[in-house]
Amino acid sequence: MMALNPVMITFPSERAVFLREENSKLYTTGAYFIGKSSVEMPLLILVPIIQELICYWMISYNDSNVSIVLIHLVIYFLLSVAGNSIGLLGGCFFKDVKVAAGVIPLFIMPLMLFSGFF
């Protein structure tokens, strides 16, 4: 969920420009989403891989098989993409960053509760 907060904070500031350009029929919502996601994808791939490769061997998980490490990296990448998507969703729902930052934990806490963190 590391990718949640930066996206949640940046989208409300881009909202007025997006609505103006979308109302002018310069591009569709799908094109904006695909463009924004493709620009963020290199960081969503690179940062989790570096972080998890360091943490994986610091914690000394099972590293006897390379496929286990790759599965771990893929799962962590998917979690990063999910956090990015939840942050974008929260940024789209609320016009004010303070309101979004206050309400998003209400959605995140049940996810953490049922995922086994508590």
C-alpha atoms as a PDB file:
ATOM      1  CA  MET A   1       0.000   0.000   0.000  1.00  0.00           C
ATOM      2  CA  MET A   2       3.055   2.167  -0.317  1.00  0.00           C
ATOM      3  CA  ALA A   3       1.793   3.458  -3.671  1.00  0.00           C
ATOM      4  CA  LEU A   4      -1.545   4.642  -2.291  1.00  0.00           C
ATOM      5  CA  ASN A   5      -0.715   8.045  -0.789  1.00  0.00           C
ATOM      6  CA  PRO A   6       1.211   9.717  -3.648  1.00  0.00           C
ATOM      7  CA  VAL A   7      -1.536   8.971  -6.170  1.00  0.00           C
ATOM      8  CA  MET A   8      -4.281   9.976  -3.761  1.00  0.00           C
ATOM      9  CA  ILE A   9      -2.607  13.345  -3.212  1.00  0.00           C
ATOM     10  CA  THR A  10      -1.757  14.150  -6.846  1.00  0.00           C
ATOM     11  CA  PHE A  11      -5.061  13.380  -8.546  1.00  0.00           C
ATOM     12  CA  PRO A  12      -7.187  16.097  -6.849  1.00  0.00           C
ATOM     13  CA  SER A  13      -4.690  18.705  -8.078  1.00  0.00           C
ATOM     14  CA  GLU A  14      -4.979  17.326 -11.639  1.00  0.00           C
ATOM     15  CA  ARG A  15      -8.763  17.031 -11.459  1.00  0.00           C
ATOM     16  CA  ALA A  16      -9.657  20.473 -12.856  1.00  0.00           C
ATOM     17  CA  VAL A  17      -7.321  20.082 -15.850  1.00  0.00           C
ATOM     18  CA  PHE A  18      -8.617  16.566 -16.526  1.00  0.00           C
ATOM     19  CA  LEU A  19     -12.278  17.642 -16.397  1.00  0.00           C
ATOM     20  CA  ARG A  20     -11.628  20.624 -18.694  1.00  0.00           C
ATOM     21  CA  GLU A  21      -9.783  18.506 -21.254  1.00  0.00           C
ATOM     22  CA  GLU A  22     -12.290  15.659 -21.036  1.00  0.00           C
ATOM     23  CA  ASN A  23     -15.213  18.066 -21.524  1.00  0.00           C
ATOM     24  CA  SER A  24     -13.419  19.501 -24.574  1.00  0.00           C
ATOM     25  CA  LYS A  25     -13.324  15.938 -25.982  1.00  0.00           C
ATOM     26  CA  LEU A  26      -9.518  15.954 -26.223  1.00  0.00           C
ATOM     27  CA  TYR A  27      -9.403  12.401 -24.848  1.00  0.00           C
ATOM     28  CA  THR A  28     -11.577   9.899 -23.049  1.00  0.00           C
ATOM     29  CA  THR A  29     -11.418   8.762 -19.452  1.00  0.00           C
ATOM     30  CA  GLY A  30     -10.012   5.401 -20.519  1.00  0.00           C
ATOM     31  CA  ALA A  31      -7.185   7.041 -22.454  1.00  0.00           C
ATOM     32  CA  TYR A  32      -6.326   9.181 -19.429  1.00  0.00           C
ATOM     33  CA  PHE A  33      -6.309   6.164 -17.118  1.00  0.00           C
ATOM     34  CA  ILE A  34      -4.152   4.078 -19.459  1.00  0.00           C
ATOM     35  CA  GLY A  35      -1.735   6.979 -19.988  1.00  0.00           C
ATOM     36  CA  LYS A  36      -1.454   7.746 -16.276  1.00  0.00           C
ATOM     37  CA  SER A  37      -1.006   4.074 -15.420  1.00  0.00           C
ATOM     38  CA  SER A  38       1.640   3.531 -18.097  1.00  0.00           C
ATOM     39  CA  VAL A  39       3.643   6.529 -16.870  1.00  0.00           C
ATOM     40  CA  GLU A  40       3.556   5.233 -13.285  1.00  0.00           C
ATOM     41  CA  MET A  41       4.277   1.606 -14.222  1.00  0.00           C
ATOM     42  CA  PRO A  42       8.116   1.812 -14.281  1.00  0.00           C
ATOM     43  CA  LEU A  43       8.154   3.059 -10.688  1.00  0.00           C
ATOM     44  CA  LEU A  44       5.548   0.474  -9.715  1.00  0.00           C
ATOM     45  CA  ILE A  45       7.864  -2.214 -11.056  1.00  0.00           C
ATOM     46  CA  LEU A  46      11.285  -0.924 -10.018  1.00  0.00           C
ATOM     47  CA  VAL A  47      10.719   0.298  -6.453  1.00  0.00           C
ATOM     48  CA  PRO A  48       8.928  -2.830  -5.119  1.00  0.00           C
ATOM     49  CA  ILE A  49      11.506  -5.141  -6.702  1.00  0.00           C
ATOM     50  CA  ILE A  50      14.409  -3.265  -5.107  1.00  0.00           C
ATOM     51  CA  GLN A  51      12.646  -3.054  -1.749  1.00  0.00           C
ATOM     52  CA  GLU A  52      11.628  -6.695  -1.652  1.00  0.00           C
ATOM     53  CA  LEU A  53      14.956  -8.046  -2.842  1.00  0.00           C
ATOM     54  CA  ILE A  54      16.596  -6.272   0.089  1.00  0.00           C
ATOM     55  CA  CYS A  55      13.918  -7.303   2.605  1.00  0.00           C
ATOM     56  CA  TYR A  56      13.642 -10.871   1.309  1.00  0.00           C
ATOM     57  CA  TRP A  57      17.216 -11.764   2.180  1.00  0.00           C
ATOM     58  CA  MET A  58      17.330  -9.619   5.327  1.00  0.00           C
ATOM     59  CA  ILE A  59      14.439 -11.625   6.731  1.00  0.00           C
ATOM     60  CA  SER A  60      16.052 -14.785   5.301  1.00  0.00           C
ATOM     61  CA  TYR A  61      12.997 -16.239   3.664  1.00  0.00           C
ATOM     62  CA  ASN A  62      13.267 -19.495   1.746  1.00  0.00           C
ATOM     63  CA  ASP A  63      15.705 -18.696  -1.048  1.00  0.00           C
ATOM     64  CA  SER A  64      16.600 -22.240  -2.063  1.00  0.00           C
ATOM     65  CA  ASN A  65      14.533 -21.999  -5.234  1.00  0.00           C
ATOM     66  CA  VAL A  66      14.509 -19.027  -7.625  1.00  0.00           C
ATOM     67  CA  SER A  67      10.850 -19.565  -8.519  1.00  0.00           C
ATOM     68  CA  ILE A  68       9.829 -18.865  -4.915  1.00  0.00           C
ATOM     69  CA  VAL A  69      11.623 -15.517  -5.005  1.00  0.00           C
ATOM     70  CA  LEU A  70      10.018 -14.637  -8.353  1.00  0.00           C
ATOM     71  CA  ILE A  71       6.547 -15.547  -7.089  1.00  0.00           C
ATOM     72  CA  HIS A  72       7.159 -13.328  -4.061  1.00  0.00           C
ATOM     73  CA  LEU A  73       8.192 -10.437  -6.324  1.00  0.00           C
ATOM     74  CA  VAL A  74       5.139 -10.867  -8.560  1.00  0.00           C
ATOM     75  CA  ILE A  75       2.808 -10.876  -5.561  1.00  0.00           C
ATOM     76  CA  TYR A  76       4.437  -7.754  -4.159  1.00  0.00           C
ATOM     77  CA  PHE A  77       4.187  -6.050  -7.567  1.00  0.00           C
ATOM     78  CA  LEU A  78       0.469  -6.868  -7.699  1.00  0.00           C
ATOM     79  CA  LEU A  79       0.034  -5.426  -4.204  1.00  0.00           C
ATOM     80  CA  SER A  80       1.761  -2.259  -5.367  1.00  0.00           C
ATOM     81  CA  VAL A  81      -0.568  -1.959  -8.359  1.00  0.00           C
ATOM     82  CA  ALA A  82      -3.580  -2.550  -6.086  1.00  0.00           C
ATOM     83  CA  GLY A  83      -2.407   0.193  -3.721  1.00  0.00           C
ATOM     84  CA  ASN A  84      -1.931   2.544  -6.641  1.00  0.00           C
ATOM     85  CA  SER A  85      -5.442   1.788  -7.891  1.00  0.00           C
ATOM     86  CA  ILE A  86      -7.023   2.321  -4.467  1.00  0.00           C
ATOM     87  CA  GLY A  87      -5.181   5.643  -4.175  1.00  0.00           C
ATOM     88  CA  LEU A  88      -6.421   6.714  -7.602  1.00  0.00           C
ATOM     89  CA  LEU A  89      -9.951   5.685  -6.638  1.00  0.00           C
ATOM     90  CA  GLY A  90      -9.761   7.702  -3.424  1.00  0.00           C
ATOM     91  CA  GLY A  91      -8.375  10.696  -5.277  1.00  0.00           C
ATOM     92  CA  CYS A  92     -11.233  10.478  -7.800  1.00  0.00           C
ATOM     93  CA  PHE A  93     -13.950  10.260  -5.148  1.00  0.00           C
ATOM     94  CA  PHE A  94     -12.967  13.344  -3.183  1.00  0.00           C
ATOM     95  CA  LYS A  95     -12.119  16.823  -4.409  1.00  0.00           C
ATOM     96  CA  ASP A  96     -10.203  17.787  -1.275  1.00  0.00           C
ATOM     97  CA  VAL A  97      -6.946  16.029  -0.374  1.00  0.00           C
ATOM     98  CA  LYS A  98      -7.627  16.347   3.366  1.00  0.00           C
ATOM     99  CA  VAL A  99     -10.990  14.630   3.062  1.00  0.00           C
ATOM    100  CA  ALA A 100      -9.484  11.841   0.950  1.00  0.00           C
ATOM    101  CA  ALA A 101      -6.638  11.346   3.424  1.00  0.00           C
ATOM    102  CA  GLY A 102      -9.181  11.093   6.237  1.00  0.00           C
ATOM    103  CA  VAL A 103     -11.570   8.682   4.532  1.00  0.00           C
ATOM    104  CA  ILE A 104      -9.157   6.295   2.773  1.00  0.00           C
ATOM    105  CA  PRO A 105      -8.071   4.625   6.049  1.00  0.00           C
ATOM    106  CA  LEU A 106     -11.703   3.584   6.531  1.00  0.00           C
ATOM    107  CA  PHE A 107     -11.352   1.487   3.366  1.00  0.00           C
ATOM    108  CA  ILE A 108      -7.835   0.270   4.107  1.00  0.00           C
ATOM    109  CA  MET A 109      -8.347  -0.899   7.699  1.00  0.00           C
ATOM    110  CA  PRO A 110     -10.872  -3.666   6.846  1.00  0.00           C
ATOM    111  CA  LEU A 111      -8.514  -4.872   4.120  1.00  0.00           C
ATOM    112  CA  MET A 112      -5.659  -5.015   6.619  1.00  0.00           C
ATOM    113  CA  LEU A 113      -7.875  -6.637   9.244  1.00  0.00           C
ATOM    114  CA  PHE A 114      -8.948  -9.519   7.007  1.00  0.00           C
ATOM    115  CA  SER A 115      -5.535  -9.987   5.380  1.00  0.00           C
ATOM    116  CA  GLY A 116      -3.902 -11.126   8.617  1.00  0.00           C
ATOM    117  CA  PHE A 117      -1.908  -8.053   9.643  1.00  0.00           C
ATOM    118  CA  PHE A 118      -3.773  -7.776  12.973  1.00  0.00           C
END
